[in-house]
Amino acid sequence: MTKKKVLITGAAKRIGLNLAHLFASLDYDLILHYNKSEQLILDEIENIKLKFPNIQIDLIQYDFSNIDNLESYFSQNLNKHKQIDVLVNNASVFWKDNSRTISIKEAIIQNNINYIAPLILTKYFGNNYKNSIIINFLDTRISKNPENYLSYSISKQSLYNLTKISALELAPNIRVNGIAPGICLPPEDDDSFDIDREASKTPLQTICKLEDINNAVKFILTNNNITGQCIFCDSGSHLK
């Protein structure tokens, strides 16, 4: 029996790396995308292979901020895979800006990585695979109009809209759903971030654990009647 395959973008660290371990535990072969974190992902591959020796792992390196050749690049590198069962659009960048401070260059980069790259991969899956599942990683901010994250929020709201529209357009061959985490991991570049204080502001007064995200992913994988939905793993933050 042919093993299932998953393509995970932004798989070298944080949520993406957690997902790589999750899918390995579910006996999926892995296609892992990364940008700059080559040594990190090489080290983690060794860890995954030690734990799951029967897993096949392919690596894809690409900088999603440059989308000029992205469509042809993925066509060439994914062509050998006759079927990829799951696409996880996880790669993301997260920079502060607002209507007065916005850098157009940085806004374009955020849009390319957070929305255009998933759009291109969605198109590829729609044209090449059947019986696949697409999971887009969103953000609880899609339910709000947060200040100081203008470009990021717009890019994630665009990805949310893509989730719903592509679910309709690609049915019945492909199911498309989203997961919108809330506070899960502290920002890499903000030592002053108090994750417990921020979690206390949510209705459930707790963070979104990686295990919670894993459970949401497994729910989407196993419930064949779900498409066009977004699961908020945010301790109720989207309700406020």
C-alpha atoms as a PDB file:
ATOM      1  CA  MET A   1       0.000   0.000   0.000  1.00  0.00           C
ATOM      2  CA  THR A   2       1.355   3.423  -0.980  1.00  0.00           C
ATOM      3  CA  LYS A   3       2.073   5.637   2.002  1.00  0.00           C
ATOM      4  CA  LYS A   4       0.493   9.033   2.232  1.00  0.00           C
ATOM      5  CA  LYS A   5       2.550  12.196   1.731  1.00  0.00           C
ATOM      6  CA  VAL A   6       2.350  15.651   3.229  1.00  0.00           C
ATOM      7  CA  LEU A   7       3.958  18.914   2.108  1.00  0.00           C
ATOM      8  CA  ILE A   8       4.556  21.341   4.972  1.00  0.00           C
ATOM      9  CA  THR A   9       5.815  24.858   4.308  1.00  0.00           C
ATOM     10  CA  GLY A  10       7.912  26.598   6.930  1.00  0.00           C
ATOM     11  CA  ALA A  11       8.774  23.243   8.486  1.00  0.00           C
ATOM     12  CA  ALA A  12      12.160  24.012  10.060  1.00  0.00           C
ATOM     13  CA  LYS A  13      10.935  25.323  13.410  1.00  0.00           C
ATOM     14  CA  ARG A  14       8.073  26.250  15.713  1.00  0.00           C
ATOM     15  CA  ILE A  15       4.605  25.082  14.585  1.00  0.00           C
ATOM     16  CA  GLY A  16       5.894  23.769  11.250  1.00  0.00           C
ATOM     17  CA  LEU A  17       8.449  21.530  12.938  1.00  0.00           C
ATOM     18  CA  ASN A  18       5.827  20.311  15.384  1.00  0.00           C
ATOM     19  CA  LEU A  19       3.644  19.372  12.410  1.00  0.00           C
ATOM     20  CA  ALA A  20       6.498  17.465  10.781  1.00  0.00           C
ATOM     21  CA  HIS A  21       6.778  15.307  13.893  1.00  0.00           C
ATOM     22  CA  LEU A  22       2.996  14.897  14.025  1.00  0.00           C
ATOM     23  CA  PHE A  23       2.699  13.657  10.437  1.00  0.00           C
ATOM     24  CA  ALA A  24       5.690  11.361  10.876  1.00  0.00           C
ATOM     25  CA  SER A  25       3.906   9.818  13.860  1.00  0.00           C
ATOM     26  CA  LEU A  26       0.884   9.314  11.586  1.00  0.00           C
ATOM     27  CA  ASP A  27       3.128   7.412   9.122  1.00  0.00           C
ATOM     28  CA  TYR A  28       3.177  10.060   6.390  1.00  0.00           C
ATOM     29  CA  ASP A  29       6.200  10.551   4.156  1.00  0.00           C
ATOM     30  CA  LEU A  30       7.346  14.155   4.485  1.00  0.00           C
ATOM     31  CA  ILE A  31       8.102  16.914   1.983  1.00  0.00           C
ATOM     32  CA  LEU A  32       9.468  19.745   4.100  1.00  0.00           C
ATOM     33  CA  HIS A  33       9.928  23.284   2.858  1.00  0.00           C
ATOM     34  CA  TYR A  34      12.288  25.730   4.530  1.00  0.00           C
ATOM     35  CA  ASN A  35      13.928  29.043   3.710  1.00  0.00           C
ATOM     36  CA  LYS A  36      17.065  29.905   5.701  1.00  0.00           C
ATOM     37  CA  SER A  37      17.078  27.406   8.560  1.00  0.00           C
ATOM     38  CA  GLU A  38      18.971  24.646   6.751  1.00  0.00           C
ATOM     39  CA  GLN A  39      21.010  23.350   9.677  1.00  0.00           C
ATOM     40  CA  LEU A  40      17.979  23.355  11.951  1.00  0.00           C
ATOM     41  CA  ILE A  41      15.958  21.230   9.579  1.00  0.00           C
ATOM     42  CA  LEU A  42      18.853  18.860   8.837  1.00  0.00           C
ATOM     43  CA  ASP A  43      19.282  18.243  12.561  1.00  0.00           C
ATOM     44  CA  GLU A  44      15.571  17.656  13.007  1.00  0.00           C
ATOM     45  CA  ILE A  45      15.449  15.238  10.089  1.00  0.00           C
ATOM     46  CA  GLU A  46      17.963  13.077  11.905  1.00  0.00           C
ATOM     47  CA  ASN A  47      15.773  13.169  15.003  1.00  0.00           C
ATOM     48  CA  ILE A  48      12.686  12.211  12.996  1.00  0.00           C
ATOM     49  CA  LYS A  49      14.487   9.363  11.232  1.00  0.00           C
ATOM     50  CA  LEU A  50      15.727   7.972  14.536  1.00  0.00           C
ATOM     51  CA  LYS A  51      12.206   7.936  15.894  1.00  0.00           C
ATOM     52  CA  PHE A  52      10.442   6.941  12.664  1.00  0.00           C
ATOM     53  CA  PRO A  53      12.975   5.019  10.541  1.00  0.00           C
ATOM     54  CA  ASN A  54      10.454   4.091   7.822  1.00  0.00           C
ATOM     55  CA  ILE A  55       9.622   7.693   6.935  1.00  0.00           C
ATOM     56  CA  GLN A  56      10.879   9.133   3.640  1.00  0.00           C
ATOM     57  CA  ILE A  57      11.809  12.817   3.813  1.00  0.00           C
ATOM     58  CA  ASP A  58      12.368  15.241   0.933  1.00  0.00           C
ATOM     59  CA  LEU A  59      13.532  18.833   1.409  1.00  0.00           C
ATOM     60  CA  ILE A  60      12.555  21.884  -0.622  1.00  0.00           C
ATOM     61  CA  GLN A  61      14.319  25.211  -0.130  1.00  0.00           C
ATOM     62  CA  TYR A  62      12.751  28.420  -1.416  1.00  0.00           C
ATOM     63  CA  ASP A  63      12.405  32.032  -0.289  1.00  0.00           C
ATOM     64  CA  PHE A  64       8.679  32.778  -0.605  1.00  0.00           C
ATOM     65  CA  SER A  65       9.324  36.514  -0.506  1.00  0.00           C
ATOM     66  CA  ASN A  66      10.421  36.136  -4.153  1.00  0.00           C
ATOM     67  CA  ILE A  67       7.452  34.721  -6.034  1.00  0.00           C
ATOM     68  CA  ASP A  68       8.703  35.394  -9.577  1.00  0.00           C
ATOM     69  CA  ASN A  69       9.695  31.782 -10.251  1.00  0.00           C
ATOM     70  CA  LEU A  70       7.740  30.058  -7.497  1.00  0.00           C
ATOM     71  CA  GLU A  71       5.123  28.481  -9.739  1.00  0.00           C
ATOM     72  CA  SER A  72       7.668  26.908 -12.094  1.00  0.00           C
ATOM     73  CA  TYR A  73       9.904  25.918  -9.169  1.00  0.00           C
ATOM     74  CA  PHE A  74       7.194  23.904  -7.480  1.00  0.00           C
ATOM     75  CA  SER A  75       6.062  22.399 -10.764  1.00  0.00           C
ATOM     76  CA  GLN A  76       9.590  21.071 -11.287  1.00  0.00           C
ATOM     77  CA  ASN A  77      10.162  19.897  -7.724  1.00  0.00           C
ATOM     78  CA  LEU A  78       6.745  18.377  -7.073  1.00  0.00           C
ATOM     79  CA  ASN A  79       6.351  16.766 -10.487  1.00  0.00           C
ATOM     80  CA  LYS A  80       7.907  13.497  -9.250  1.00  0.00           C
ATOM     81  CA  HIS A  81       5.154  13.113  -6.659  1.00  0.00           C
ATOM     82  CA  LYS A  82       2.154  11.587  -8.404  1.00  0.00           C
ATOM     83  CA  GLN A  83       0.064  12.201  -5.324  1.00  0.00           C
ATOM     84  CA  ILE A  84       0.495  14.452  -2.298  1.00  0.00           C
ATOM     85  CA  ASP A  85      -2.299  13.843   0.161  1.00  0.00           C
ATOM     86  CA  VAL A  86      -1.980  16.885   2.410  1.00  0.00           C
ATOM     87  CA  LEU A  87      -0.689  20.423   1.924  1.00  0.00           C
ATOM     88  CA  VAL A  88      -0.060  22.484   5.055  1.00  0.00           C
ATOM     89  CA  ASN A  89       0.449  26.168   4.278  1.00  0.00           C
ATOM     90  CA  ASN A  90       2.270  27.152   7.445  1.00  0.00           C
ATOM     91  CA  ALA A  91       5.143  29.440   6.353  1.00  0.00           C
ATOM     92  CA  SER A  92       4.569  32.958   7.641  1.00  0.00           C
ATOM     93  CA  VAL A  93       6.196  36.229   8.628  1.00  0.00           C
ATOM     94  CA  PHE A  94       4.861  38.551  11.294  1.00  0.00           C
ATOM     95  CA  TRP A  95       5.980  42.181  11.381  1.00  0.00           C
ATOM     96  CA  LYS A  96       4.462  45.190  13.064  1.00  0.00           C
ATOM     97  CA  ASP A  97       3.211  48.108  10.982  1.00  0.00           C
ATOM     98  CA  ASN A  98       0.225  50.407  10.701  1.00  0.00           C
ATOM     99  CA  SER A  99      -1.293  52.916   8.291  1.00  0.00           C
ATOM    100  CA  ARG A 100       1.293  55.552   9.224  1.00  0.00           C
ATOM    101  CA  THR A 101       4.447  53.428   9.456  1.00  0.00           C
ATOM    102  CA  ILE A 102       3.886  50.870   6.723  1.00  0.00           C
ATOM    103  CA  SER A 103       6.797  49.963   4.457  1.00  0.00           C
ATOM    104  CA  ILE A 104       5.424  48.996   1.058  1.00  0.00           C
ATOM    105  CA  LYS A 105       8.372  46.659   0.496  1.00  0.00           C
ATOM    106  CA  GLU A 106       7.745  44.810   3.765  1.00  0.00           C
ATOM    107  CA  ALA A 107       4.002  44.746   3.111  1.00  0.00           C
ATOM    108  CA  ILE A 108       4.613  43.045  -0.247  1.00  0.00           C
ATOM    109  CA  ILE A 109       6.956  40.511   1.371  1.00  0.00           C
ATOM    110  CA  GLN A 110       4.371  39.635   4.029  1.00  0.00           C
ATOM    111  CA  ASN A 111       1.680  39.271   1.386  1.00  0.00           C
ATOM    112  CA  ASN A 112       3.902  37.090  -0.798  1.00  0.00           C
ATOM    113  CA  ILE A 113       4.793  34.712   2.022  1.00  0.00           C
ATOM    114  CA  ASN A 114       1.498  34.646   3.907  1.00  0.00           C
ATOM    115  CA  TYR A 115      -0.940  34.675   0.974  1.00  0.00           C
ATOM    116  CA  ILE A 116       0.519  34.489  -2.558  1.00  0.00           C
ATOM    117  CA  ALA A 117       2.705  31.407  -1.917  1.00  0.00           C
ATOM    118  CA  PRO A 118      -0.271  29.457  -0.478  1.00  0.00           C
ATOM    119  CA  LEU A 119      -2.364  30.641  -3.440  1.00  0.00           C
ATOM    120  CA  ILE A 120       0.200  29.278  -5.914  1.00  0.00           C
ATOM    121  CA  LEU A 121       0.408  25.955  -4.077  1.00  0.00           C
ATOM    122  CA  THR A 122      -3.389  25.742  -3.916  1.00  0.00           C
ATOM    123  CA  LYS A 123      -3.527  26.222  -7.675  1.00  0.00           C
ATOM    124  CA  TYR A 124      -0.923  23.475  -8.165  1.00  0.00           C
ATOM    125  CA  PHE A 125      -2.840  21.029  -5.978  1.00  0.00           C
ATOM    126  CA  GLY A 126      -6.122  21.865  -7.673  1.00  0.00           C
ATOM    127  CA  ASN A 127      -4.648  21.115 -11.089  1.00  0.00           C
ATOM    128  CA  ASN A 128      -2.627  18.021 -10.191  1.00  0.00           C
ATOM    129  CA  TYR A 129      -4.100  16.072  -7.280  1.00  0.00           C
ATOM    130  CA  LYS A 130      -7.362  14.494  -6.204  1.00  0.00           C
ATOM    131  CA  ASN A 131      -8.562  13.369  -2.786  1.00  0.00           C
ATOM    132  CA  SER A 132      -6.163  15.796  -1.109  1.00  0.00           C
ATOM    133  CA  ILE A 133      -6.551  18.044   1.905  1.00  0.00           C
ATOM    134  CA  ILE A 134      -5.258  21.602   2.258  1.00  0.00           C
ATOM    135  CA  ILE A 135      -4.794  23.099   5.728  1.00  0.00           C
ATOM    136  CA  ASN A 136      -4.069  26.817   5.886  1.00  0.00           C
ATOM    137  CA  PHE A 137      -2.598  28.235   9.072  1.00  0.00           C
ATOM    138  CA  LEU A 138      -4.358  31.482   9.844  1.00  0.00           C
ATOM    139  CA  ASP A 139      -4.423  33.613  12.999  1.00  0.00           C
ATOM    140  CA  THR A 140      -7.075  34.571  15.507  1.00  0.00           C
ATOM    141  CA  ARG A 141      -6.561  38.148  14.275  1.00  0.00           C
ATOM    142  CA  ILE A 142      -8.638  37.356  11.173  1.00  0.00           C
ATOM    143  CA  SER A 143     -11.698  37.878  13.384  1.00  0.00           C
ATOM    144  CA  LYS A 144     -10.642  41.392  14.405  1.00  0.00           C
ATOM    145  CA  ASN A 145      -9.127  44.632  13.166  1.00  0.00           C
ATOM    146  CA  PRO A 146      -5.941  44.670  15.237  1.00  0.00           C
ATOM    147  CA  GLU A 147      -3.865  47.808  15.382  1.00  0.00           C
ATOM    148  CA  ASN A 148      -0.139  47.729  14.564  1.00  0.00           C
ATOM    149  CA  TYR A 149      -0.293  44.561  12.428  1.00  0.00           C
ATOM    150  CA  LEU A 150      -1.818  45.998   9.270  1.00  0.00           C
ATOM    151  CA  SER A 151       0.034  44.093   6.530  1.00  0.00           C
ATOM    152  CA  TYR A 152       0.132  40.822   8.448  1.00  0.00           C
ATOM    153  CA  SER A 153      -3.565  40.932   9.286  1.00  0.00           C
ATOM    154  CA  ILE A 154      -4.581  41.725   5.715  1.00  0.00           C
ATOM    155  CA  SER A 155      -2.442  38.868   4.360  1.00  0.00           C
ATOM    156  CA  LYS A 156      -3.986  36.390   6.812  1.00  0.00           C
ATOM    157  CA  GLN A 157      -7.502  37.647   6.089  1.00  0.00           C
ATOM    158  CA  SER A 158      -6.763  37.092   2.393  1.00  0.00           C
ATOM    159  CA  LEU A 159      -5.661  33.530   3.178  1.00  0.00           C
ATOM    160  CA  TYR A 160      -8.881  32.995   5.124  1.00  0.00           C
ATOM    161  CA  ASN A 161     -10.911  34.135   2.121  1.00  0.00           C
ATOM    162  CA  LEU A 162      -8.848  31.833  -0.099  1.00  0.00           C
ATOM    163  CA  THR A 163      -9.668  28.976   2.278  1.00  0.00           C
ATOM    164  CA  LYS A 164     -13.404  29.472   1.817  1.00  0.00           C
ATOM    165  CA  ILE A 165     -13.409  30.208  -1.913  1.00  0.00           C
ATOM    166  CA  SER A 166     -10.996  27.415  -2.871  1.00  0.00           C
ATOM    167  CA  ALA A 167     -12.971  24.952  -0.713  1.00  0.00           C
ATOM    168  CA  LEU A 168     -15.962  25.683  -2.933  1.00  0.00           C
ATOM    169  CA  GLU A 169     -14.026  25.698  -6.204  1.00  0.00           C
ATOM    170  CA  LEU A 170     -11.943  22.563  -5.573  1.00  0.00           C
ATOM    171  CA  ALA A 171     -14.738  20.402  -4.146  1.00  0.00           C
ATOM    172  CA  PRO A 172     -15.334  17.494  -4.277  1.00  0.00           C
ATOM    173  CA  ASN A 173     -11.730  16.537  -5.093  1.00  0.00           C
ATOM    174  CA  ILE A 174      -9.973  18.599  -2.427  1.00  0.00           C
ATOM    175  CA  ARG A 175     -11.039  19.719   1.020  1.00  0.00           C
ATOM    176  CA  VAL A 176      -9.681  23.064   2.259  1.00  0.00           C
ATOM    177  CA  ASN A 177      -9.789  24.186   5.881  1.00  0.00           C
ATOM    178  CA  GLY A 178      -7.991  26.589   8.177  1.00  0.00           C
ATOM    179  CA  ILE A 179      -6.649  26.592  11.709  1.00  0.00           C
ATOM    180  CA  ALA A 180      -6.374  29.937  13.490  1.00  0.00           C
ATOM    181  CA  PRO A 181      -4.124  29.704  16.560  1.00  0.00           C
ATOM    182  CA  GLY A 182      -4.090  32.315  19.241  1.00  0.00           C
ATOM    183  CA  ILE A 183      -1.263  32.736  21.728  1.00  0.00           C
ATOM    184  CA  CYS A 184       0.873  29.629  21.327  1.00  0.00           C
ATOM    185  CA  LEU A 185       4.606  30.380  21.258  1.00  0.00           C
ATOM    186  CA  PRO A 186       6.312  33.657  22.219  1.00  0.00           C
ATOM    187  CA  PRO A 187       7.664  35.751  19.333  1.00  0.00           C
ATOM    188  CA  GLU A 188      11.259  34.895  18.466  1.00  0.00           C
ATOM    189  CA  ASP A 189      12.396  38.516  18.487  1.00  0.00           C
ATOM    190  CA  ASP A 190      10.543  39.895  21.527  1.00  0.00           C
ATOM    191  CA  ASP A 191      12.104  39.008  24.879  1.00  0.00           C
ATOM    192  CA  SER A 192       9.673  41.279  26.695  1.00  0.00           C
ATOM    193  CA  PHE A 193       6.618  39.283  25.593  1.00  0.00           C
ATOM    194  CA  ASP A 194       4.804  37.888  28.643  1.00  0.00           C
ATOM    195  CA  ILE A 195       2.941  34.853  27.329  1.00  0.00           C
ATOM    196  CA  ASP A 196       1.181  34.150  30.637  1.00  0.00           C
ATOM    197  CA  ARG A 197      -0.078  37.719  30.920  1.00  0.00           C
ATOM    198  CA  GLU A 198      -1.416  37.627  27.359  1.00  0.00           C
ATOM    199  CA  ALA A 199      -3.031  34.236  27.913  1.00  0.00           C
ATOM    200  CA  SER A 200      -4.820  35.560  31.000  1.00  0.00           C
ATOM    201  CA  LYS A 201      -6.708  38.008  28.745  1.00  0.00           C
ATOM    202  CA  THR A 202      -8.438  35.207  26.843  1.00  0.00           C
ATOM    203  CA  PRO A 203     -11.796  33.733  27.955  1.00  0.00           C
ATOM    204  CA  LEU A 204     -10.188  30.367  28.826  1.00  0.00           C
ATOM    205  CA  GLN A 205      -7.143  32.106  30.342  1.00  0.00           C
ATOM    206  CA  THR A 206      -4.664  29.699  28.799  1.00  0.00           C
ATOM    207  CA  ILE A 207      -2.392  29.420  25.782  1.00  0.00           C
ATOM    208  CA  CYS A 208      -2.968  27.306  22.703  1.00  0.00           C
ATOM    209  CA  LYS A 209      -0.680  24.313  23.182  1.00  0.00           C
ATOM    210  CA  LEU A 210       1.011  22.516  20.300  1.00  0.00           C
ATOM    211  CA  GLU A 211      -1.016  19.473  21.302  1.00  0.00           C
ATOM    212  CA  ASP A 212      -4.191  21.505  20.724  1.00  0.00           C
ATOM    213  CA  ILE A 213      -3.026  22.325  17.202  1.00  0.00           C
ATOM    214  CA  ASN A 214      -2.203  18.668  16.586  1.00  0.00           C
ATOM    215  CA  ASN A 215      -5.709  17.682  17.655  1.00  0.00           C
ATOM    216  CA  ALA A 216      -7.225  20.226  15.273  1.00  0.00           C
ATOM    217  CA  VAL A 217      -5.112  18.881  12.412  1.00  0.00           C
ATOM    218  CA  LYS A 218      -6.142  15.300  13.159  1.00  0.00           C
ATOM    219  CA  PHE A 219      -9.799  16.355  13.275  1.00  0.00           C
ATOM    220  CA  ILE A 220      -9.531  17.881   9.799  1.00  0.00           C
ATOM    221  CA  LEU A 221      -7.721  14.813   8.456  1.00  0.00           C
ATOM    222  CA  THR A 222     -10.318  12.375   9.730  1.00  0.00           C
ATOM    223  CA  ASN A 223     -13.595  14.255   9.238  1.00  0.00           C
ATOM    224  CA  ASN A 224     -14.434  13.920   5.550  1.00  0.00           C
ATOM    225  CA  ASN A 225     -17.476  16.174   5.843  1.00  0.00           C
ATOM    226  CA  ILE A 226     -15.538  19.317   6.762  1.00  0.00           C
ATOM    227  CA  THR A 227     -14.454  21.879   4.161  1.00  0.00           C
ATOM    228  CA  GLY A 228     -14.277  25.664   4.065  1.00  0.00           C
ATOM    229  CA  GLN A 229     -14.080  25.830   7.853  1.00  0.00           C
ATOM    230  CA  CYS A 230     -11.744  27.581  10.250  1.00  0.00           C
ATOM    231  CA  ILE A 231     -10.968  26.091  13.653  1.00  0.00           C
ATOM    232  CA  PHE A 232     -10.021  28.783  16.160  1.00  0.00           C
ATOM    233  CA  CYS A 233      -7.459  27.314  18.585  1.00  0.00           C
ATOM    234  CA  ASP A 234      -7.254  30.531  20.558  1.00  0.00           C
ATOM    235  CA  SER A 235      -8.809  29.966  23.992  1.00  0.00           C
ATOM    236  CA  GLY A 236     -11.833  31.959  22.819  1.00  0.00           C
ATOM    237  CA  SER A 237      -9.843  35.047  21.881  1.00  0.00           C
ATOM    238  CA  HIS A 238     -11.839  35.528  18.657  1.00  0.00           C
ATOM    239  CA  LEU A 239     -14.978  36.083  20.741  1.00  0.00           C
ATOM    240  CA  LYS A 240     -13.694  39.318  22.288  1.00  0.00           C
END
